[in-house]
Amino acid sequence: EEEAVKCERETNDMKMAEYMEKHTGDVFDAKVCGIQNFGMFVRLPNYIEGLVSSDNMNGKFKYIEKEESYASKNKKYNLGDKVKVKVINASKEKRTIDLALVD
């Protein structure tokens, strides 16, 4: 059963990335749904999720573990925040969707 669930997740990730390959360069509204030390996961209105790497956050943001947030001098991102993101890369082979924050 665990193997079937893993296979289902991998297939979903591959199909989402395949769909987003056609949208490279497009800008979307999104909502922050996960925060890690390497970046933020966001969900688009079509329920596709991607990663905004800490390198693609337009500024010097610091990860605050106990608050599960990213903060700079002028801006703070928390779970549930609305953001605008641009698709910078999608790979069905790697099953990844890379996004960047748009000011």
C-alpha atoms as a PDB file:
ATOM      1  CA  GLU A   1       0.000   0.000   0.000  1.00  0.00           C
ATOM      2  CA  GLU A   2       2.833   2.429   0.846  1.00  0.00           C
ATOM      3  CA  GLU A   3       4.450   1.703  -2.510  1.00  0.00           C
ATOM      4  CA  ALA A   4       1.166   2.430  -4.307  1.00  0.00           C
ATOM      5  CA  VAL A   5       0.789   5.765  -2.490  1.00  0.00           C
ATOM      6  CA  LYS A   6       4.383   6.699  -3.370  1.00  0.00           C
ATOM      7  CA  CYS A   7       3.787   5.814  -7.021  1.00  0.00           C
ATOM      8  CA  GLU A   8       0.582   7.870  -7.081  1.00  0.00           C
ATOM      9  CA  ARG A   9       2.389  10.928  -5.663  1.00  0.00           C
ATOM     10  CA  GLU A  10       5.218  10.622  -8.163  1.00  0.00           C
ATOM     11  CA  THR A  11       2.742  10.325 -11.046  1.00  0.00           C
ATOM     12  CA  ASN A  12       0.788  13.365  -9.850  1.00  0.00           C
ATOM     13  CA  ASP A  13       3.998  15.393  -9.475  1.00  0.00           C
ATOM     14  CA  MET A  14       5.100  14.382 -12.987  1.00  0.00           C
ATOM     15  CA  LYS A  15       1.755  15.312 -14.586  1.00  0.00           C
ATOM     16  CA  MET A  16       1.629  18.674 -12.776  1.00  0.00           C
ATOM     17  CA  ALA A  17       5.167  19.502 -13.901  1.00  0.00           C
ATOM     18  CA  GLU A  18       4.338  18.408 -17.450  1.00  0.00           C
ATOM     19  CA  TYR A  19       1.346  20.764 -17.470  1.00  0.00           C
ATOM     20  CA  MET A  20       3.391  23.659 -16.062  1.00  0.00           C
ATOM     21  CA  GLU A  21       6.159  23.217 -18.668  1.00  0.00           C
ATOM     22  CA  LYS A  22       3.771  24.987 -21.059  1.00  0.00           C
ATOM     23  CA  HIS A  23       3.445  27.916 -18.651  1.00  0.00           C
ATOM     24  CA  THR A  24       7.107  28.838 -18.165  1.00  0.00           C
ATOM     25  CA  GLY A  25       7.278  32.610 -17.800  1.00  0.00           C
ATOM     26  CA  ASP A  26       3.637  32.957 -16.790  1.00  0.00           C
ATOM     27  CA  VAL A  27       2.654  34.778 -13.591  1.00  0.00           C
ATOM     28  CA  PHE A  28       0.083  33.370 -11.154  1.00  0.00           C
ATOM     29  CA  ASP A  29      -1.531  34.298  -7.868  1.00  0.00           C
ATOM     30  CA  ALA A  30      -0.685  31.715  -5.208  1.00  0.00           C
ATOM     31  CA  LYS A  31      -0.911  30.994  -1.507  1.00  0.00           C
ATOM     32  CA  VAL A  32       1.975  29.951   0.762  1.00  0.00           C
ATOM     33  CA  CYS A  33       1.268  26.382   1.915  1.00  0.00           C
ATOM     34  CA  GLY A  34       4.627  25.320   3.354  1.00  0.00           C
ATOM     35  CA  ILE A  35       7.798  26.938   4.627  1.00  0.00           C
ATOM     36  CA  GLN A  36      11.168  25.186   4.928  1.00  0.00           C
ATOM     37  CA  ASN A  37      14.721  26.398   5.408  1.00  0.00           C
ATOM     38  CA  PHE A  38      15.349  26.067   1.641  1.00  0.00           C
ATOM     39  CA  GLY A  39      12.226  27.909   0.441  1.00  0.00           C
ATOM     40  CA  MET A  40       8.446  28.181   0.387  1.00  0.00           C
ATOM     41  CA  PHE A  41       5.924  25.856  -1.189  1.00  0.00           C
ATOM     42  CA  VAL A  42       3.008  27.656  -2.791  1.00  0.00           C
ATOM     43  CA  ARG A  43      -0.302  26.446  -4.209  1.00  0.00           C
ATOM     44  CA  LEU A  44      -1.779  27.945  -7.358  1.00  0.00           C
ATOM     45  CA  PRO A  45      -5.558  28.360  -7.806  1.00  0.00           C
ATOM     46  CA  ASN A  46      -5.556  25.152  -9.901  1.00  0.00           C
ATOM     47  CA  TYR A  47      -4.110  23.283  -6.856  1.00  0.00           C
ATOM     48  CA  ILE A  48      -0.711  22.774  -8.445  1.00  0.00           C
ATOM     49  CA  GLU A  49       2.117  23.250  -5.962  1.00  0.00           C
ATOM     50  CA  GLY A  50       5.620  24.478  -6.640  1.00  0.00           C
ATOM     51  CA  LEU A  51       8.706  25.689  -4.814  1.00  0.00           C
ATOM     52  CA  VAL A  52       9.934  29.243  -4.431  1.00  0.00           C
ATOM     53  CA  SER A  53      13.560  28.622  -3.517  1.00  0.00           C
ATOM     54  CA  SER A  54      15.086  31.013  -0.994  1.00  0.00           C
ATOM     55  CA  ASP A  55      17.374  32.081  -3.870  1.00  0.00           C
ATOM     56  CA  ASN A  56      14.316  33.267  -5.842  1.00  0.00           C
ATOM     57  CA  MET A  57      12.761  35.537  -3.200  1.00  0.00           C
ATOM     58  CA  ASN A  58      13.953  38.934  -4.492  1.00  0.00           C
ATOM     59  CA  GLY A  59      15.972  40.116  -1.542  1.00  0.00           C
ATOM     60  CA  LYS A  60      17.692  38.972   1.607  1.00  0.00           C
ATOM     61  CA  PHE A  61      15.167  36.862   3.448  1.00  0.00           C
ATOM     62  CA  LYS A  62      15.923  35.011   6.648  1.00  0.00           C
ATOM     63  CA  TYR A  63      14.214  31.753   7.561  1.00  0.00           C
ATOM     64  CA  ILE A  64      12.638  31.927  11.039  1.00  0.00           C
ATOM     65  CA  GLU A  65      12.115  28.319  12.093  1.00  0.00           C
ATOM     66  CA  LYS A  66      10.034  28.846  15.245  1.00  0.00           C
ATOM     67  CA  GLU A  67       7.588  31.090  13.340  1.00  0.00           C
ATOM     68  CA  GLU A  68       7.670  29.068  10.111  1.00  0.00           C
ATOM     69  CA  SER A  69       8.221  32.247   8.137  1.00  0.00           C
ATOM     70  CA  TYR A  70      10.664  34.194   5.978  1.00  0.00           C
ATOM     71  CA  ALA A  71      11.420  37.803   6.819  1.00  0.00           C
ATOM     72  CA  SER A  72      13.423  40.696   5.427  1.00  0.00           C
ATOM     73  CA  LYS A  73      13.626  44.317   6.564  1.00  0.00           C
ATOM     74  CA  ASN A  74      10.420  45.240   4.736  1.00  0.00           C
ATOM     75  CA  LYS A  75       8.461  42.030   4.182  1.00  0.00           C
ATOM     76  CA  LYS A  76       7.435  38.847   5.966  1.00  0.00           C
ATOM     77  CA  TYR A  77       5.916  35.683   4.505  1.00  0.00           C
ATOM     78  CA  ASN A  78       3.793  33.341   6.628  1.00  0.00           C
ATOM     79  CA  LEU A  79       1.674  30.284   5.915  1.00  0.00           C
ATOM     80  CA  GLY A  80      -1.505  31.288   4.112  1.00  0.00           C
ATOM     81  CA  ASP A  81      -0.130  34.540   2.672  1.00  0.00           C
ATOM     82  CA  LYS A  82      -1.105  35.437  -0.876  1.00  0.00           C
ATOM     83  CA  VAL A  83       1.813  35.962  -3.267  1.00  0.00           C
ATOM     84  CA  LYS A  84       2.432  36.434  -6.980  1.00  0.00           C
ATOM     85  CA  VAL A  85       4.798  33.932  -8.566  1.00  0.00           C
ATOM     86  CA  LYS A  86       6.384  33.391 -11.955  1.00  0.00           C
ATOM     87  CA  VAL A  87       7.112  29.943 -13.367  1.00  0.00           C
ATOM     88  CA  ILE A  88      10.845  29.850 -14.034  1.00  0.00           C
ATOM     89  CA  ASN A  89      11.226  26.120 -14.719  1.00  0.00           C
ATOM     90  CA  ALA A  90       9.200  22.930 -14.767  1.00  0.00           C
ATOM     91  CA  SER A  91      10.557  19.451 -15.422  1.00  0.00           C
ATOM     92  CA  LYS A  92       8.409  16.363 -15.766  1.00  0.00           C
ATOM     93  CA  GLU A  93      11.565  14.227 -15.644  1.00  0.00           C
ATOM     94  CA  LYS A  94      12.564  15.660 -12.249  1.00  0.00           C
ATOM     95  CA  ARG A  95       8.904  16.142 -11.221  1.00  0.00           C
ATOM     96  CA  THR A  96       9.627  19.717 -10.084  1.00  0.00           C
ATOM     97  CA  ILE A  97       8.093  23.163 -10.544  1.00  0.00           C
ATOM     98  CA  ASP A  98      10.392  26.084  -9.761  1.00  0.00           C
ATOM     99  CA  LEU A  99       8.871  29.484  -9.100  1.00  0.00           C
ATOM    100  CA  ALA A 100      10.094  32.992  -8.272  1.00  0.00           C
ATOM    101  CA  LEU A 101       8.335  35.716  -6.319  1.00  0.00           C
ATOM    102  CA  VAL A 102       7.080  38.669  -8.346  1.00  0.00           C
ATOM    103  CA  ASP A 103       6.942  42.078  -6.679  1.00  0.00           C
END
